[in-house]
Amino acid sequence: MKVSLLDYGAGNLPSVERALQRLGVQTERVSTSTGVAKAPALILPGVGHYGALIRALDRDGLRESLIAAIERGVPFLGICLGLQALFQNSEEAPDLQGLQILPGSVRVLTGAVKLPHMGWDQLQNKAGSRLLEGIDSEAYFYFAHSYGVPYSGDVAAMEARATCSYGGEFVAVAEKESVFAVQFHPEKSADAGQRVLENFLRIAA
């Protein structure tokens, strides 16, 4: 199968491409609304500043085509900043609106912790996750971020399938219909991360 990687001029595309190619997957970079519209499956890798990502999507006319693809049921995986973009807004760029696919807001990680949250950490499963099928509950994943979506009893937690705790508890895996997103980097998370990508590819096939 082929997977399209959304290229907005930043992100961690080479690492994600290599991880997918190791799984025998053909990848292509798309940076236009036409490319997004034709994509059989989409991955939005993200590193850096929330505002830079959102402004790039709007500058290149990708917001509408991306939302339309998701609404059509095109399998979508957001990675790190790609997860955060799915929510309503972020404290990192309070003047901008996210894609608003998922309810909730992105906040700076709280507590007496050093930022960014960088390194290996474990998840706390909350509900049946399709992305985490077959993965040991004690597995570690690689994180690199200073912002996250707080997990609580409100609507922001409705789509959470797993969380991680660093300062406070935040959403680490979100799933809604054909939309999947992870706060960690599966492409840098060894065997457990590879299994996450394999599960997404199986779902998308």
Protein backbone atom coordinates (compact mmCIF):
# COMPACT_ATOMS: atom_id res chain seq x y z
CA MET A 1 0.00 0.00 0.00
CA LYS A 2 0.97 3.65 -0.27
CA VAL A 3 0.94 6.16 2.57
CA SER A 4 1.06 9.92 2.05
CA LEU A 5 3.09 12.05 4.45
CA LEU A 6 1.90 15.61 4.80
CA ASP A 7 4.86 17.87 4.05
CA TYR A 8 4.33 21.35 5.46
CA GLY A 9 8.00 22.33 5.35
CA ALA A 10 8.97 20.99 8.77
CA GLY A 11 8.24 17.87 10.79
CA ASN A 12 10.18 14.65 11.03
CA LEU A 13 9.50 13.21 7.59
CA PRO A 14 12.79 11.37 6.90
CA SER A 15 12.61 9.33 10.12
CA VAL A 16 8.98 8.41 9.53
CA GLU A 17 9.72 7.54 5.91
CA ARG A 18 12.54 5.22 6.92
CA ALA A 19 10.40 3.52 9.54
CA LEU A 20 7.64 2.88 6.99
CA GLN A 21 10.05 1.75 4.30
CA ARG A 22 11.46 -0.84 6.72
CA LEU A 23 7.93 -2.21 6.84
CA GLY A 24 7.82 -2.44 3.06
CA VAL A 25 5.49 0.52 2.62
CA GLN A 26 5.67 2.91 -0.30
CA THR A 27 5.53 6.53 0.82
CA GLU A 28 5.03 9.86 -0.89
CA ARG A 29 5.19 13.42 0.34
CA VAL A 30 2.17 15.61 -0.36
CA SER A 31 2.10 19.36 0.06
CA THR A 32 -0.96 20.45 -1.94
CA SER A 33 -4.69 20.14 -1.47
CA THR A 34 -4.82 17.95 -4.58
CA GLY A 35 -2.23 15.59 -3.12
CA VAL A 36 -4.14 15.35 0.14
CA ALA A 37 -7.39 14.70 -1.72
CA LYS A 38 -5.84 11.74 -3.56
CA ALA A 39 -4.12 10.21 -0.52
CA PRO A 40 -5.23 6.65 0.38
CA ALA A 41 -3.89 7.13 3.92
CA LEU A 42 -2.35 10.16 5.61
CA ILE A 43 0.30 10.69 8.25
CA LEU A 44 1.02 14.11 9.77
CA PRO A 45 4.41 14.03 11.51
CA GLY A 46 5.08 17.09 13.60
CA VAL A 47 7.96 18.61 15.49
CA GLY A 48 8.60 22.21 16.49
CA HIS A 49 6.09 24.98 17.18
CA TYR A 50 2.31 24.54 17.03
CA GLY A 51 1.89 27.96 15.44
CA ALA A 52 4.31 27.16 12.62
CA LEU A 53 2.38 24.01 11.76
CA ILE A 54 -1.06 25.62 11.79
CA ARG A 55 0.11 28.67 9.83
CA ALA A 56 1.72 26.41 7.23
CA LEU A 57 -1.49 24.41 6.81
CA ASP A 58 -3.47 27.63 6.32
CA ARG A 59 -0.85 29.23 4.07
CA ASP A 60 -0.83 26.27 1.72
CA GLY A 61 -4.59 25.74 1.74
CA LEU A 62 -4.22 22.36 3.41
CA ARG A 63 -6.59 22.83 6.36
CA GLU A 64 -9.79 22.37 4.35
CA SER A 65 -8.52 19.46 2.27
CA LEU A 66 -7.17 17.69 5.34
CA ILE A 67 -10.45 18.07 7.24
CA ALA A 68 -12.36 16.90 4.15
CA ALA A 69 -10.17 13.81 3.82
CA ILE A 70 -10.69 12.95 7.49
CA GLU A 71 -14.44 13.44 7.17
CA ARG A 72 -14.43 11.06 4.16
CA GLY A 73 -12.88 8.42 6.36
CA VAL A 74 -9.34 8.47 4.95
CA PRO A 75 -7.17 6.76 7.60
CA PHE A 76 -5.13 9.43 9.41
CA LEU A 77 -2.28 9.20 11.89
CA GLY A 78 -1.01 12.29 13.70
CA ILE A 79 2.38 12.09 15.40
CA CYS A 80 3.44 14.38 18.27
CA LEU A 81 2.53 17.88 17.02
CA GLY A 82 0.29 16.06 14.55
CA LEU A 83 -1.80 14.91 17.51
CA GLN A 84 -1.97 18.40 18.99
CA ALA A 85 -3.15 19.90 15.69
CA LEU A 86 -6.31 17.77 15.83
CA PHE A 87 -7.58 19.56 18.92
CA GLN A 88 -9.31 22.91 19.20
CA ASN A 89 -6.41 25.18 20.13
CA SER A 90 -3.11 25.40 21.98
CA GLU A 91 -1.56 27.62 24.62
CA GLU A 92 1.56 27.61 22.46
CA ALA A 93 -0.24 29.77 19.87
CA PRO A 94 -3.45 31.01 21.50
CA ASP A 95 -4.43 33.20 18.55
CA LEU A 96 -4.80 30.20 16.23
CA GLN A 97 -7.42 27.50 15.87
CA GLY A 98 -6.50 23.86 15.48
CA LEU A 99 -8.23 21.48 13.09
CA GLN A 100 -10.96 20.94 15.72
CA ILE A 101 -11.41 17.28 14.84
CA LEU A 102 -11.16 16.35 18.52
CA PRO A 103 -12.49 18.30 21.53
CA GLY A 104 -10.06 19.76 24.01
CA SER A 105 -7.15 22.17 24.25
CA VAL A 106 -3.39 21.73 24.28
CA ARG A 107 -1.67 23.05 27.42
CA VAL A 108 1.89 23.39 28.62
CA LEU A 109 2.88 20.42 30.78
CA THR A 110 2.44 21.27 34.43
CA GLY A 111 4.09 20.35 37.70
CA ALA A 112 7.63 20.63 38.97
CA VAL A 113 9.14 18.89 35.96
CA LYS A 114 11.87 19.81 33.54
CA LEU A 115 10.72 20.73 30.04
CA PRO A 116 10.70 19.40 27.46
CA HIS A 117 9.50 15.94 28.41
CA MET A 118 12.16 14.07 26.49
CA GLY A 119 12.98 10.39 26.64
CA TRP A 120 11.37 7.02 27.24
CA ASP A 121 8.15 6.65 29.19
CA GLN A 122 5.28 4.23 29.70
CA LEU A 123 1.57 4.51 28.94
CA GLN A 124 -1.52 3.97 31.02
CA ASN A 125 -4.20 2.27 28.95
CA LYS A 126 -7.68 3.76 29.33
CA ALA A 127 -9.80 1.92 26.78
CA GLY A 128 -9.47 -0.55 23.96
CA SER A 129 -6.89 0.88 21.56
CA ARG A 130 -6.55 -0.42 18.03
CA LEU A 131 -3.12 1.20 17.70
CA LEU A 132 -1.80 -0.55 20.80
CA GLU A 133 -3.06 -4.05 19.97
CA GLY A 134 -0.44 -6.69 20.70
CA ILE A 135 1.87 -4.30 22.58
CA ASP A 136 2.97 -5.14 26.12
CA SER A 137 1.41 -2.82 28.69
CA GLU A 138 4.89 -2.30 30.17
CA ALA A 139 6.37 -1.09 26.86
CA TYR A 140 8.23 2.22 26.65
CA PHE A 141 7.79 4.91 24.00
CA TYR A 142 9.92 7.91 23.09
CA PHE A 143 8.54 11.39 23.85
CA ALA A 144 9.84 14.87 23.00
CA HIS A 145 7.40 17.69 23.82
CA SER A 146 6.53 20.51 26.23
CA TYR A 147 2.80 20.67 25.53
CA GLY A 148 0.04 18.09 25.70
CA VAL A 149 -3.71 17.60 26.03
CA PRO A 150 -4.59 17.23 29.74
CA TYR A 151 -6.51 14.08 30.59
CA SER A 152 -9.49 14.62 32.85
CA GLY A 153 -13.10 13.64 33.18
CA ASP A 154 -14.31 16.26 30.71
CA VAL A 155 -14.94 16.00 26.99
CA ALA A 156 -11.21 16.32 26.21
CA ALA A 157 -10.70 12.80 27.51
CA MET A 158 -13.47 11.13 25.51
CA GLU A 159 -11.27 9.94 22.65
CA ALA A 160 -8.24 9.06 24.80
CA ARG A 161 -7.13 5.44 24.56
CA ALA A 162 -3.94 5.82 26.62
CA THR A 163 -2.25 8.50 28.69
CA CYS A 164 1.19 9.26 30.05
CA SER A 165 2.09 11.07 33.26
CA TYR A 166 4.76 13.76 33.39
CA GLY A 167 3.92 16.53 35.78
CA GLY A 168 0.27 15.81 35.04
CA GLU A 169 -1.58 13.17 33.05
CA PHE A 170 -1.92 13.89 29.33
CA VAL A 171 -3.37 12.13 26.29
CA ALA A 172 -0.79 9.87 24.67
CA VAL A 173 -3.06 7.98 22.25
CA ALA A 174 -6.31 9.29 20.78
CA GLU A 175 -8.62 7.44 18.42
CA LYS A 176 -11.91 8.37 16.77
CA GLU A 177 -13.26 6.35 13.85
CA SER A 178 -10.53 6.56 11.17
CA VAL A 179 -8.51 9.18 13.09
CA PHE A 180 -5.53 8.03 15.15
CA ALA A 181 -2.92 10.11 16.94
CA VAL A 182 -0.01 9.60 19.31
CA GLN A 183 1.94 12.13 21.38
CA PHE A 184 5.08 9.97 21.30
CA HIS A 185 7.25 9.23 18.26
CA PRO A 186 6.58 5.67 17.02
CA GLU A 187 9.39 6.00 14.48
CA LYS A 188 11.83 6.40 17.38
CA SER A 189 10.21 3.91 19.76
CA ALA A 190 11.93 0.67 18.71
CA ASP A 191 9.80 -2.50 18.50
CA ALA A 192 6.79 -1.04 20.29
CA GLY A 193 6.71 1.94 17.93
CA GLN A 194 7.06 -0.33 14.92
CA ARG A 195 4.04 -2.29 16.11
CA VAL A 196 2.04 0.95 16.38
CA LEU A 197 2.86 1.72 12.75
CA GLU A 198 2.05 -1.84 11.72
CA ASN A 199 -1.32 -1.62 13.44
CA PHE A 200 -2.12 1.65 11.67
CA LEU A 201 -1.15 0.17 8.31
CA ARG A 202 -3.33 -2.88 8.96
CA ILE A 203 -6.28 -0.66 9.83
CA ALA A 204 -5.67 1.53 6.77
CA ALA A 205 -5.31 -1.35 4.30
